[in-house]
Protein backbone atom coordinates (compact mmCIF):
# COMPACT_ATOMS: atom_id res chain seq x y z
CA MET A 1 12.58 16.85 -14.02
CA ARG A 2 10.90 18.87 -16.76
CA ILE A 3 6.95 19.08 -16.46
CA ALA A 4 4.17 20.57 -18.51
CA PHE A 5 0.60 21.64 -17.17
CA VAL A 6 -2.49 20.58 -19.11
CA GLY A 7 -5.43 22.69 -17.62
CA CYS A 8 -4.74 26.44 -16.84
CA GLY A 9 -7.84 26.88 -14.71
CA TYR A 10 -8.19 27.81 -11.27
CA VAL A 11 -6.07 25.01 -9.33
CA ALA A 12 -3.19 25.72 -11.90
CA ASP A 13 -2.32 28.47 -9.77
CA TYR A 14 -1.86 26.66 -6.77
CA TYR A 15 0.55 24.36 -8.44
CA TYR A 16 2.31 27.32 -9.86
CA GLY A 17 2.52 29.06 -6.90
CA THR A 18 4.36 26.34 -4.72
CA LEU A 19 6.49 25.30 -7.82
CA LYS A 20 9.56 27.25 -6.55
CA LEU A 21 9.82 25.28 -3.20
CA HIS A 22 10.90 22.49 -5.63
CA PRO A 23 13.88 23.63 -7.87
CA GLU A 24 14.20 19.93 -9.20
CA LEU A 25 11.11 20.38 -10.98
CA GLU A 26 11.17 22.55 -14.37
CA LEU A 27 7.84 24.03 -15.84
CA VAL A 28 8.54 23.93 -19.49
CA GLY A 29 5.01 24.75 -21.20
CA VAL A 30 1.25 24.70 -20.44
CA MET A 31 -1.62 23.75 -22.52
CA ASP A 32 -5.53 24.37 -22.21
CA GLN A 33 -8.34 23.74 -24.58
CA ASP A 34 -9.28 27.41 -24.07
CA ILE A 35 -6.45 28.87 -26.29
CA ASP A 36 -7.03 32.42 -24.71
CA ARG A 37 -6.58 30.95 -21.13
CA ALA A 38 -3.37 29.23 -22.05
CA ILE A 39 -2.04 32.48 -23.39
CA HIS A 40 -2.86 34.23 -20.29
CA PHE A 41 -1.55 31.50 -17.91
CA SER A 42 1.66 31.36 -20.24
CA ASN A 43 2.28 35.03 -19.75
CA TYR A 44 1.68 34.72 -16.16
CA CYS A 45 4.19 31.96 -15.85
CA SER A 46 6.52 33.46 -18.34
CA VAL A 47 6.66 29.94 -20.14
CA PRO A 48 5.45 28.84 -23.69
CA TYR A 49 2.05 27.30 -24.41
CA TYR A 50 1.12 24.59 -26.40
CA LYS A 51 -1.67 24.98 -29.04
CA SER A 52 -2.78 21.36 -28.53
CA LEU A 53 -2.35 18.31 -26.41
CA ASP A 54 -0.80 16.66 -29.48
CA GLU A 55 1.72 19.33 -29.70
CA LEU A 56 2.72 18.99 -25.96
CA LEU A 57 3.17 15.20 -26.35
CA ASP A 58 5.42 15.94 -29.15
CA ASP A 59 7.66 17.62 -26.85
CA GLU A 60 10.45 15.24 -26.00
CA ARG A 61 11.66 17.87 -23.16
CA VAL A 62 8.55 16.65 -21.26
CA ASP A 63 8.94 14.03 -18.68
CA ILE A 64 5.84 14.26 -16.61
CA VAL A 65 2.56 15.77 -17.55
CA ILE A 66 0.43 17.35 -14.87
CA ASN A 67 -3.20 16.75 -15.46
CA LEU A 68 -5.28 19.62 -14.13
CA THR A 69 -8.16 19.45 -16.55
CA ASN A 70 -11.72 19.18 -15.38
CA PRO A 71 -12.44 15.52 -13.44
CA SER A 72 -14.33 14.62 -16.51
CA SER A 73 -11.31 14.85 -18.84
CA HIS A 74 -8.92 13.24 -16.33
CA TYR A 75 -9.41 9.94 -18.07
CA SER A 76 -9.17 11.03 -21.56
CA VAL A 77 -6.22 13.12 -21.12
CA SER A 78 -4.11 10.88 -18.82
CA ARG A 79 -4.53 8.06 -21.20
CA ALA A 80 -3.23 10.09 -24.05
CA CYS A 81 -0.25 10.90 -22.13
CA LEU A 82 0.29 7.25 -21.19
CA GLU A 83 -0.14 6.26 -24.71
CA ALA A 84 2.59 8.99 -25.61
CA GLY A 85 5.05 7.82 -23.10
CA LYS A 86 4.83 10.27 -20.55
CA HIS A 87 4.59 9.92 -16.96
CA VAL A 88 1.44 11.32 -15.22
CA TYR A 89 0.63 13.14 -12.22
CA SER A 90 -3.18 14.06 -12.12
CA GLU A 91 -5.28 16.15 -9.99
CA LYS A 92 -8.08 14.04 -8.16
CA PRO A 93 -9.84 11.72 -8.86
CA LEU A 94 -7.80 9.47 -11.24
CA ALA A 95 -10.82 8.87 -13.08
CA MET A 96 -14.77 9.61 -12.71
CA GLU A 97 -15.21 5.97 -13.20
CA PHE A 98 -13.45 3.05 -11.36
CA SER A 99 -13.18 0.91 -14.47
CA GLN A 100 -11.35 3.87 -16.17
CA ALA A 101 -9.02 4.28 -13.03
CA ARG A 102 -8.24 0.77 -13.43
CA ASP A 103 -7.51 1.18 -17.19
CA LEU A 104 -5.26 3.93 -16.58
CA VAL A 105 -3.04 1.98 -13.87
CA ASN A 106 -3.04 -1.19 -16.08
CA LEU A 107 -1.85 0.90 -19.13
CA ALA A 108 0.98 2.62 -17.06
CA LYS A 109 2.28 -0.83 -15.92
CA GLN A 110 2.18 -2.18 -19.42
CA LYS A 111 4.09 0.90 -20.85
CA GLY A 112 6.75 0.89 -17.95
CA LEU A 113 5.40 4.55 -16.68
CA TYR A 114 4.32 5.97 -13.36
CA ILE A 115 0.85 7.53 -12.75
CA SER A 116 0.12 9.17 -9.56
CA THR A 117 -2.55 11.49 -8.26
CA ALA A 118 -3.44 14.20 -5.70
CA PRO A 119 -4.09 14.96 -2.99
CA CYS A 120 -0.54 15.01 -1.59
CA SER A 121 -1.21 16.26 1.78
CA LEU A 122 -0.15 12.79 3.16
CA LEU A 123 3.42 14.01 2.46
CA ASN A 124 3.13 17.22 4.56
CA GLU A 125 4.31 17.88 8.11
CA ALA A 126 0.80 17.51 10.01
CA ALA A 127 0.25 14.28 8.43
CA GLN A 128 3.66 12.99 9.15
CA THR A 129 3.31 14.30 12.78
CA VAL A 130 0.20 12.25 13.31
CA TRP A 131 1.55 9.31 11.73
CA LYS A 132 4.83 9.22 13.62
CA ALA A 133 2.64 9.34 17.02
CA LEU A 134 0.60 6.59 15.83
CA ARG A 135 3.54 4.63 15.05
CA GLU A 136 4.99 5.37 18.72
CA ASN A 137 1.83 4.11 20.07
CA LYS A 138 1.07 7.60 21.98
CA VAL A 139 -2.40 6.98 22.56
CA GLY A 140 -2.67 3.18 22.66
CA GLN A 141 -4.39 1.07 19.98
CA VAL A 142 -6.69 3.29 17.82
CA ARG A 143 -9.85 1.61 17.26
CA LEU A 144 -12.18 4.37 15.94
CA VAL A 145 -11.49 7.66 13.87
CA TYR A 146 -13.78 10.50 13.35
CA ALA A 147 -13.27 12.75 10.33
CA GLU A 148 -15.06 15.79 8.88
CA MET A 149 -14.76 17.45 5.72
CA ASP A 150 -17.20 20.24 5.79
CA ASP A 151 -17.14 23.43 4.15
CA GLY A 152 -20.52 25.40 5.15
CA LEU A 153 -22.93 26.71 2.70
CA VAL A 154 -20.78 27.41 -0.27
CA HIS A 155 -23.58 28.49 -2.36
CA ARG A 156 -24.56 30.93 -0.14
CA GLY A 157 -21.11 32.42 -0.04
CA SER A 158 -19.34 34.92 -2.14
CA TYR A 159 -17.96 32.20 -4.48
CA ARG A 160 -18.55 34.50 -7.48
CA GLN A 161 -15.87 36.77 -6.38
CA TRP A 162 -13.30 33.87 -6.08
CA LYS A 163 -10.36 34.20 -8.18
CA SER A 164 -6.96 32.74 -8.37
CA LYS A 165 -3.88 34.97 -8.29
CA SER A 166 -3.52 35.00 -11.98
CA GLY A 167 -7.13 36.28 -12.10
CA THR A 168 -8.92 32.92 -13.04
CA PRO A 169 -12.60 32.63 -11.45
CA TRP A 170 -13.59 29.62 -9.04
CA PRO A 171 -15.27 26.99 -11.68
CA TYR A 172 -18.35 26.70 -9.42
CA LYS A 173 -20.45 24.88 -11.84
CA ASP A 174 -17.97 22.16 -12.25
CA GLU A 175 -17.37 22.03 -8.42
CA PHE A 176 -20.85 21.66 -7.72
CA GLU A 177 -21.68 19.12 -10.45
CA VAL A 178 -18.46 17.00 -9.23
CA GLY A 179 -19.69 16.96 -5.68
CA CYS A 180 -17.90 17.49 -2.37
CA THR A 181 -17.15 13.68 -2.02
CA ILE A 182 -15.01 13.29 -4.99
CA GLU A 183 -13.71 16.72 -4.27
CA HIS A 184 -12.55 16.29 -0.65
CA ALA A 185 -12.99 12.67 0.66
CA GLY A 186 -9.45 12.03 -0.59
CA TYR A 187 -7.93 14.38 1.64
CA ILE A 188 -8.99 12.13 4.56
CA VAL A 189 -8.93 8.89 2.87
CA THR A 190 -5.42 9.16 1.85
CA TRP A 191 -4.28 9.55 5.40
CA LEU A 192 -6.12 6.62 6.86
CA THR A 193 -5.12 4.23 4.21
CA ALA A 194 -1.51 5.01 4.70
CA PHE A 195 -1.81 4.93 8.35
CA PHE A 196 -3.83 1.85 8.77
CA GLY A 197 -3.65 -0.34 5.50
CA PRO A 198 -6.05 -1.17 2.87
CA ALA A 199 -9.69 -0.82 3.58
CA GLU A 200 -11.92 -3.73 3.51
CA THR A 201 -15.64 -2.70 3.25
CA ILE A 202 -17.37 0.66 3.08
CA THR A 203 -20.91 1.42 4.17
CA ALA A 204 -21.89 4.92 2.99
CA PHE A 205 -25.05 6.93 2.27
CA SER A 206 -24.91 10.33 0.06
CA SER A 207 -27.40 12.69 -0.89
CA CYS A 208 -28.40 15.91 -2.90
CA LEU A 209 -29.93 17.83 -0.06
CA ILE A 210 -29.85 21.31 -1.89
CA PRO A 211 -30.61 20.52 -5.51
CA ASP A 212 -30.89 24.32 -6.43
CA LYS A 213 -27.72 25.71 -5.68
CA GLU A 214 -28.81 29.32 -6.76
CA THR A 215 -26.28 29.58 -9.40
CA ASP A 216 -26.18 32.02 -12.63
CA VAL A 217 -25.67 29.04 -14.88
CA PRO A 218 -27.82 25.93 -14.31
CA VAL A 219 -26.17 22.94 -12.31
CA GLU A 220 -26.77 20.09 -14.65
CA VAL A 221 -25.80 17.24 -12.51
CA LYS A 222 -27.23 16.81 -8.99
CA SER A 223 -24.21 15.54 -7.32
CA PRO A 224 -24.39 14.60 -3.51
CA ASP A 225 -23.46 17.60 -1.26
CA PHE A 226 -23.46 15.16 1.78
CA SER A 227 -22.23 12.01 2.17
CA VAL A 228 -21.13 10.00 5.41
CA ALA A 229 -19.13 6.48 5.27
CA CYS A 230 -18.25 3.98 7.78
CA ILE A 231 -14.76 2.75 6.31
CA LYS A 232 -13.46 -0.79 7.86
CA PHE A 233 -10.02 -1.37 7.52
CA LYS A 234 -8.16 -4.87 7.27
CA SER A 235 -6.40 -4.04 10.24
CA GLY A 236 -9.55 -3.48 12.30
CA VAL A 237 -9.67 0.28 12.56
CA VAL A 238 -13.07 1.65 11.84
CA ALA A 239 -13.51 5.12 10.25
CA ARG A 240 -16.33 7.50 10.12
CA LEU A 241 -15.93 10.21 7.59
CA THR A 242 -18.32 12.85 6.82
CA CYS A 243 -18.29 15.32 3.63
CA SER A 244 -20.70 18.36 2.96
CA ILE A 245 -21.04 21.80 1.70
CA ILE A 246 -23.87 22.33 4.22
CA ALA A 247 -22.63 21.78 7.49
CA PRO A 248 -20.53 24.52 9.22
CA SER A 249 -16.79 24.50 8.28
CA ASP A 250 -14.82 21.76 9.91
CA HIS A 251 -11.60 19.72 8.79
CA SER A 252 -10.82 18.03 11.88
CA ILE A 253 -9.70 14.47 12.72
CA LYS A 254 -9.84 12.61 15.74
CA PHE A 255 -7.97 9.07 16.44
CA ILE A 256 -9.74 7.37 19.27
CA GLY A 257 -7.29 5.13 21.19
CA ASP A 258 -7.48 3.06 23.97
CA GLU A 259 -5.43 5.58 26.21
CA ALA A 260 -6.18 8.84 24.75
CA ILE A 261 -7.22 10.80 21.71
CA LEU A 262 -4.99 12.32 18.95
CA TYR A 263 -6.19 14.87 16.69
CA LEU A 264 -5.92 17.95 14.89
CA GLU A 265 -8.49 20.77 13.82
CA ASN A 266 -7.49 21.33 10.23
CA CYS A 267 -6.00 18.75 7.73
CA TRP A 268 -6.02 21.23 5.00
CA GLN A 269 -3.20 23.21 6.88
CA ASP A 270 0.30 21.62 6.07
CA ARG A 271 1.06 22.53 9.58
CA SER A 272 -1.79 22.18 11.58
CA PRO A 273 -1.00 21.71 14.98
CA VAL A 274 -1.47 18.03 16.48
CA TYR A 275 -2.60 17.34 20.23
CA ILE A 276 -3.16 14.65 22.56
CA ARG A 277 -6.17 14.87 25.12
CA ARG A 278 -6.10 12.28 27.69
CA ASP A 279 -8.90 10.58 30.03
CA ILE A 280 -9.15 11.52 33.66
CA LYS A 281 -11.00 9.71 36.34
CA ILE A 282 -13.07 11.74 38.58
CA ARG A 283 -15.14 9.81 41.50
CA SER A 284 -14.90 6.50 39.40
CA LYS A 285 -16.16 8.00 36.19
CA VAL A 286 -14.07 8.62 33.25
CA PHE A 287 -14.03 12.11 31.42
CA LEU A 288 -11.93 13.64 28.65
CA SER A 289 -9.32 15.75 30.00
CA PRO A 290 -9.86 19.70 29.08
CA TRP A 291 -5.65 19.80 28.93
CA LYS A 292 -4.12 19.16 25.95
CA GLU A 293 -0.42 17.97 25.10
CA LYS A 294 0.99 19.41 21.66
CA CYS A 295 2.94 17.10 19.75
CA PRO A 296 6.18 18.29 18.35
CA LEU A 297 5.93 19.11 14.70
CA VAL A 298 8.21 16.85 12.55
CA GLY A 299 9.73 18.45 9.33
CA ARG A 300 9.77 22.03 10.96
CA THR A 301 12.99 22.75 8.98
CA ASN A 302 11.16 22.26 5.59
CA PRO A 303 10.45 25.34 3.52
CA LYS A 304 7.16 26.93 4.78
CA VAL A 305 4.50 27.22 2.07
CA PRO A 306 3.54 30.55 0.92
CA LYS A 307 -0.12 31.37 1.66
CA GLN A 308 -2.10 31.54 -1.49
CA GLY A 309 -5.70 33.09 -0.67
CA ALA A 310 -7.28 30.48 1.88
CA GLN A 311 -4.89 27.68 0.77
CA ASN A 312 -1.61 26.84 3.01
CA ARG A 313 -0.66 23.65 1.14
CA ASN A 314 2.17 22.60 -1.01
CA PHE A 315 0.29 21.27 -4.28
CA CYS A 316 3.73 20.41 -5.68
CA ARG A 317 4.92 17.80 -3.05
CA GLY A 318 3.23 14.87 -4.90
CA ILE A 319 4.94 15.71 -8.31
CA ALA A 320 8.42 16.33 -6.41
CA GLU A 321 7.95 12.77 -4.67
CA LEU A 322 6.88 11.06 -8.35
CA ALA A 323 9.86 12.63 -9.99
CA LEU A 324 12.29 11.57 -6.94
CA ALA A 325 10.71 7.74 -7.37
CA ILE A 326 11.37 7.84 -11.31
CA LYS A 327 14.65 8.97 -10.70
CA GLU A 328 15.46 6.44 -8.09
CA GLN A 329 13.72 3.75 -9.90
CA ARG A 330 11.34 2.77 -6.88
CA ASP A 331 7.61 2.92 -5.95
CA SER A 332 6.18 6.43 -5.28
CA ARG A 333 4.87 6.96 -1.79
CA LEU A 334 1.71 7.81 -3.77
CA SER A 335 1.98 4.57 -5.87
CA ASP A 336 -0.25 3.67 -8.69
CA ALA A 337 -1.73 0.86 -6.61
CA TYR A 338 -2.37 3.19 -3.58
CA CYS A 339 -3.84 5.85 -5.78
CA LEU A 340 -6.32 3.10 -7.35
CA HIS A 341 -7.38 2.13 -3.78
CA VAL A 342 -7.94 5.55 -2.74
CA CYS A 343 -10.15 6.31 -5.87
CA GLU A 344 -12.36 3.06 -5.29
CA ILE A 345 -13.06 4.18 -1.68
CA VAL A 346 -13.95 7.70 -2.89
CA LEU A 347 -16.01 6.81 -5.83
CA ALA A 348 -17.87 3.96 -3.51
CA ILE A 349 -18.93 6.94 -1.17
CA HIS A 350 -19.82 9.16 -3.77
CA ASN A 351 -22.05 6.58 -5.78
CA ALA A 352 -23.72 5.65 -2.59
CA LEU A 353 -26.46 8.10 -3.74
CA GLU A 354 -29.49 7.31 -0.94
CA THR A 355 -28.54 3.44 -1.14
CA GLY A 356 -26.24 2.98 1.72
CA SER A 357 -25.56 -0.62 0.05
CA PRO A 358 -22.18 -2.17 1.77
CA TYR A 359 -19.16 -2.02 -0.64
CA GLN A 360 -16.33 -4.61 -0.67
CA LEU A 361 -13.18 -3.14 -1.86
CA THR A 362 -11.32 -4.92 -4.63
CA THR A 363 -8.05 -3.25 -4.59
CA THR A 364 -5.25 -3.17 -2.23
CA PHE A 365 -1.57 -1.60 -1.96
CA ASP A 366 1.60 -2.40 -0.47
CA PRO A 367 2.43 -0.41 2.59
CA VAL A 368 3.40 3.24 2.14
CA GLU A 369 6.72 4.46 3.63
CA PRO A 370 6.81 7.61 5.86
CA MET A 371 8.70 10.61 4.62
CA ALA A 372 12.51 10.32 5.57
CA TYR A 373 12.33 13.64 7.71
CA ALA A 374 9.73 12.00 9.96
CA LEU A 375 12.22 9.36 10.71
CA VAL A 376 14.82 11.40 12.07
CA LYS A 377 15.00 10.91 15.99
C-alpha cells in the first residue's frame, strides 16, 4: 500500500528506518511546511517531495497519509487528509483536545475511512508475550499494575547534540512544551487497555516541577514534567502509572497477580525479556522470591528491528497493521475507537495539572485481538 509522510522532522527518521521491514508499504513522497527540510529528507529517502499538503492530497497514488507533524498540528492535518479521502495514521496524540480527537473519529466514520495512531508497541514481541502469559493465567488473577515512564533529568542531558540519522536535531522546545505525559503515557496505556479492557475512572495529579528547563530558546508552555495516575478498569484491575522527566530512567511494568508477579524492565524495547517472580514462604511469612523465570518470547522468528540510536522499536508496525486491515476490510487492532479511548485517558492525566480531580471515561472500544504470531502453540 502506498503511503506519504507529512512532517520530515526528527521522528520521521525512525519510521523510514523501519519501513524496509514492511515491503508491503511503499513510500511515494514526503512533505513538510519547511521546504528545505522536505528537500533534505526527500534526498535522504530518495523519494519525491510535495511543495504543499494540497499537492500531496491531490496525488491519487497515496492511500495512507502518515501524520508526523508537531502535535499541535495533528488535528488540522489529519482532518484535511480525511476530507480529501485519505486514510490516516498519526503520531500520538490523535489531537491535543479530546473534542478534536472525537471529531476526527466521527469524520473518518462518515467518510468510510480508517484513522489510527501511534504508539504501536502493543503489536511487538514483548507486549504480546506479556499478554499471552496473562491469558494463560501464569500469575493468577491480576489485581494491580505498577508502571513507570521516567526518563531522568532530560533538560540536564546532552539533548542539544541529539540528531536523527538524517541529521535533524531533537525538537527539544516542542518536546518540553507538549510534556512527558502526552509524549510517553500512551506506551503504557495502549498495553493496559488491550489487556484489561476499557478504563472506567482516572484519579490523576500532574505538575510542572521544574519550570525553567534551561533551554537556549524559551519554553512558552509550562507542561507537566511529572504526572501520576490511578486508572480503574471496568474489569476491576487498578493501575498506577507514573510519567516524568525528573526521576531516574525507568520503563518497567509489574503485573501483580494473586500467585506471582509478571514483569519486564523496558517496555520501550520490542524484545524486552519478560519474567515471572513467585512468592516464597519462610517461617510463615511471605516474601518475593529472588529467583525469576523467563517467559519464552513469542514472535522470535519476526525480523529483528535495526537499532537506531537509542531506539529499538519498529515504528511502522502500526502502519502495516492499518494497511492490512484496509485490505481485509476489518477493524485495525489499533482501531479508531481504541485510539480515541487511549487519547482520552492520556489527555485526562495530562490535564489534571495540580487538581487530582477524578475523571469518568466517556469512550469505550471492542476487544482487541492478539497478533496471530502470539496465538501459535
